[in-house]
Amino acid sequence: MSSNLHGLPDSPCIGVCSTLFDEICKGCGRTAGEVSNWVFLSEEEKRVVWERITREGTAIRFRNDRL
């Protein structure tokens, strides 16, 4: 299912969550706060997060060799 954010998935989550142990999720690149509050963020706030995690590109979501 897609959001109104230019065809992006509803969430950056790829089911590889590490926020119990890491401040930044290794799967999607969001902070623990962003993960837990995602459903409450506005479209603009979500867009800002998507832009940041895409720009950083360090999460498994953005790796070519991902699971």
C-alpha atoms as a PDB file:
ATOM      1  CA  MET A   1       0.000   0.000   0.000  1.00  0.00           C
ATOM      2  CA  SER A   2       1.358   3.455  -0.852  1.00  0.00           C
ATOM      3  CA  SER A   3       1.018   6.787   0.870  1.00  0.00           C
ATOM      4  CA  ASN A   4       0.571  10.151  -0.805  1.00  0.00           C
ATOM      5  CA  LEU A   5       4.326  10.647  -0.686  1.00  0.00           C
ATOM      6  CA  HIS A   6       5.036  10.208  -4.402  1.00  0.00           C
ATOM      7  CA  GLY A   7       4.414   6.467  -4.523  1.00  0.00           C
ATOM      8  CA  LEU A   8       6.538   5.637  -1.469  1.00  0.00           C
ATOM      9  CA  PRO A   9       5.480   2.766   0.783  1.00  0.00           C
ATOM     10  CA  ASP A  10       3.442   3.715   3.852  1.00  0.00           C
ATOM     11  CA  SER A  11       6.513   3.125   5.985  1.00  0.00           C
ATOM     12  CA  PRO A  12      10.263   2.757   5.399  1.00  0.00           C
ATOM     13  CA  CYS A  13      10.169  -0.447   7.483  1.00  0.00           C
ATOM     14  CA  ILE A  14      11.558  -3.589   5.848  1.00  0.00           C
ATOM     15  CA  GLY A  15      10.994  -5.850   8.864  1.00  0.00           C
ATOM     16  CA  VAL A  16      14.614  -5.769  10.046  1.00  0.00           C
ATOM     17  CA  CYS A  17      14.173  -3.682  13.183  1.00  0.00           C
ATOM     18  CA  SER A  18      17.062  -2.987  15.515  1.00  0.00           C
ATOM     19  CA  THR A  19      15.608  -0.142  17.594  1.00  0.00           C
ATOM     20  CA  LEU A  20      15.590  -2.248  20.759  1.00  0.00           C
ATOM     21  CA  PHE A  21      19.388  -2.120  20.690  1.00  0.00           C
ATOM     22  CA  ASP A  22      20.256   0.807  18.404  1.00  0.00           C
ATOM     23  CA  GLU A  23      19.258   4.465  18.394  1.00  0.00           C
ATOM     24  CA  ILE A  24      19.001   4.289  14.591  1.00  0.00           C
ATOM     25  CA  CYS A  25      17.326   1.259  13.008  1.00  0.00           C
ATOM     26  CA  LYS A  26      19.734  -0.685  10.808  1.00  0.00           C
ATOM     27  CA  GLY A  27      16.844  -1.808   8.605  1.00  0.00           C
ATOM     28  CA  CYS A  28      15.184   1.487   7.700  1.00  0.00           C
ATOM     29  CA  GLY A  29      17.438   4.243   9.071  1.00  0.00           C
ATOM     30  CA  ARG A  30      14.839   5.889  11.301  1.00  0.00           C
ATOM     31  CA  THR A  31      15.356   6.814  14.928  1.00  0.00           C
ATOM     32  CA  ALA A  32      13.557   4.804  17.596  1.00  0.00           C
ATOM     33  CA  GLY A  33      11.237   7.800  18.109  1.00  0.00           C
ATOM     34  CA  GLU A  34      10.430   8.035  14.415  1.00  0.00           C
ATOM     35  CA  VAL A  35       9.642   4.319  14.296  1.00  0.00           C
ATOM     36  CA  SER A  36       7.368   4.387  17.344  1.00  0.00           C
ATOM     37  CA  ASN A  37       5.578   7.592  16.317  1.00  0.00           C
ATOM     38  CA  TRP A  38       5.385   7.007  12.556  1.00  0.00           C
ATOM     39  CA  VAL A  39       1.597   6.638  12.459  1.00  0.00           C
ATOM     40  CA  PHE A  40       1.221   9.992  14.228  1.00  0.00           C
ATOM     41  CA  LEU A  41       3.557  11.986  11.940  1.00  0.00           C
ATOM     42  CA  SER A  42       2.100  14.361   9.373  1.00  0.00           C
ATOM     43  CA  GLU A  43       2.720  13.778   5.657  1.00  0.00           C
ATOM     44  CA  GLU A  44       5.290  16.599   5.760  1.00  0.00           C
ATOM     45  CA  GLU A  45       7.108  15.078   8.737  1.00  0.00           C
ATOM     46  CA  LYS A  46       7.179  11.694   7.000  1.00  0.00           C
ATOM     47  CA  ARG A  47       8.524  13.298   3.828  1.00  0.00           C
ATOM     48  CA  VAL A  48      11.345  14.912   5.795  1.00  0.00           C
ATOM     49  CA  VAL A  49      12.253  11.546   7.346  1.00  0.00           C
ATOM     50  CA  TRP A  50      12.128   9.801   3.933  1.00  0.00           C
ATOM     51  CA  GLU A  51      14.397  12.476   2.465  1.00  0.00           C
ATOM     52  CA  ARG A  52      16.914  12.167   5.300  1.00  0.00           C
ATOM     53  CA  ILE A  53      17.122   8.371   5.319  1.00  0.00           C
ATOM     54  CA  THR A  54      17.359   8.303   1.521  1.00  0.00           C
ATOM     55  CA  ARG A  55      20.105  10.924   1.509  1.00  0.00           C
ATOM     56  CA  GLU A  56      22.041   9.088   4.225  1.00  0.00           C
ATOM     57  CA  GLY A  57      21.531   5.766   2.447  1.00  0.00           C
ATOM     58  CA  THR A  58      23.126   3.752   5.253  1.00  0.00           C
ATOM     59  CA  ALA A  59      20.203   1.500   6.183  1.00  0.00           C
ATOM     60  CA  ILE A  60      19.781  -2.012   4.818  1.00  0.00           C
ATOM     61  CA  ARG A  61      16.752  -0.697   2.899  1.00  0.00           C
ATOM     62  CA  PHE A  62      19.121   1.223   0.611  1.00  0.00           C
ATOM     63  CA  ARG A  63      21.852  -1.370   0.148  1.00  0.00           C
ATOM     64  CA  ASN A  64      22.131  -3.203  -3.150  1.00  0.00           C
ATOM     65  CA  ASP A  65      23.022  -6.429  -1.374  1.00  0.00           C
ATOM     66  CA  ARG A  66      20.140  -6.269   1.096  1.00  0.00           C
ATOM     67  CA  LEU A  67      18.348  -9.368   2.311  1.00  0.00           C
END
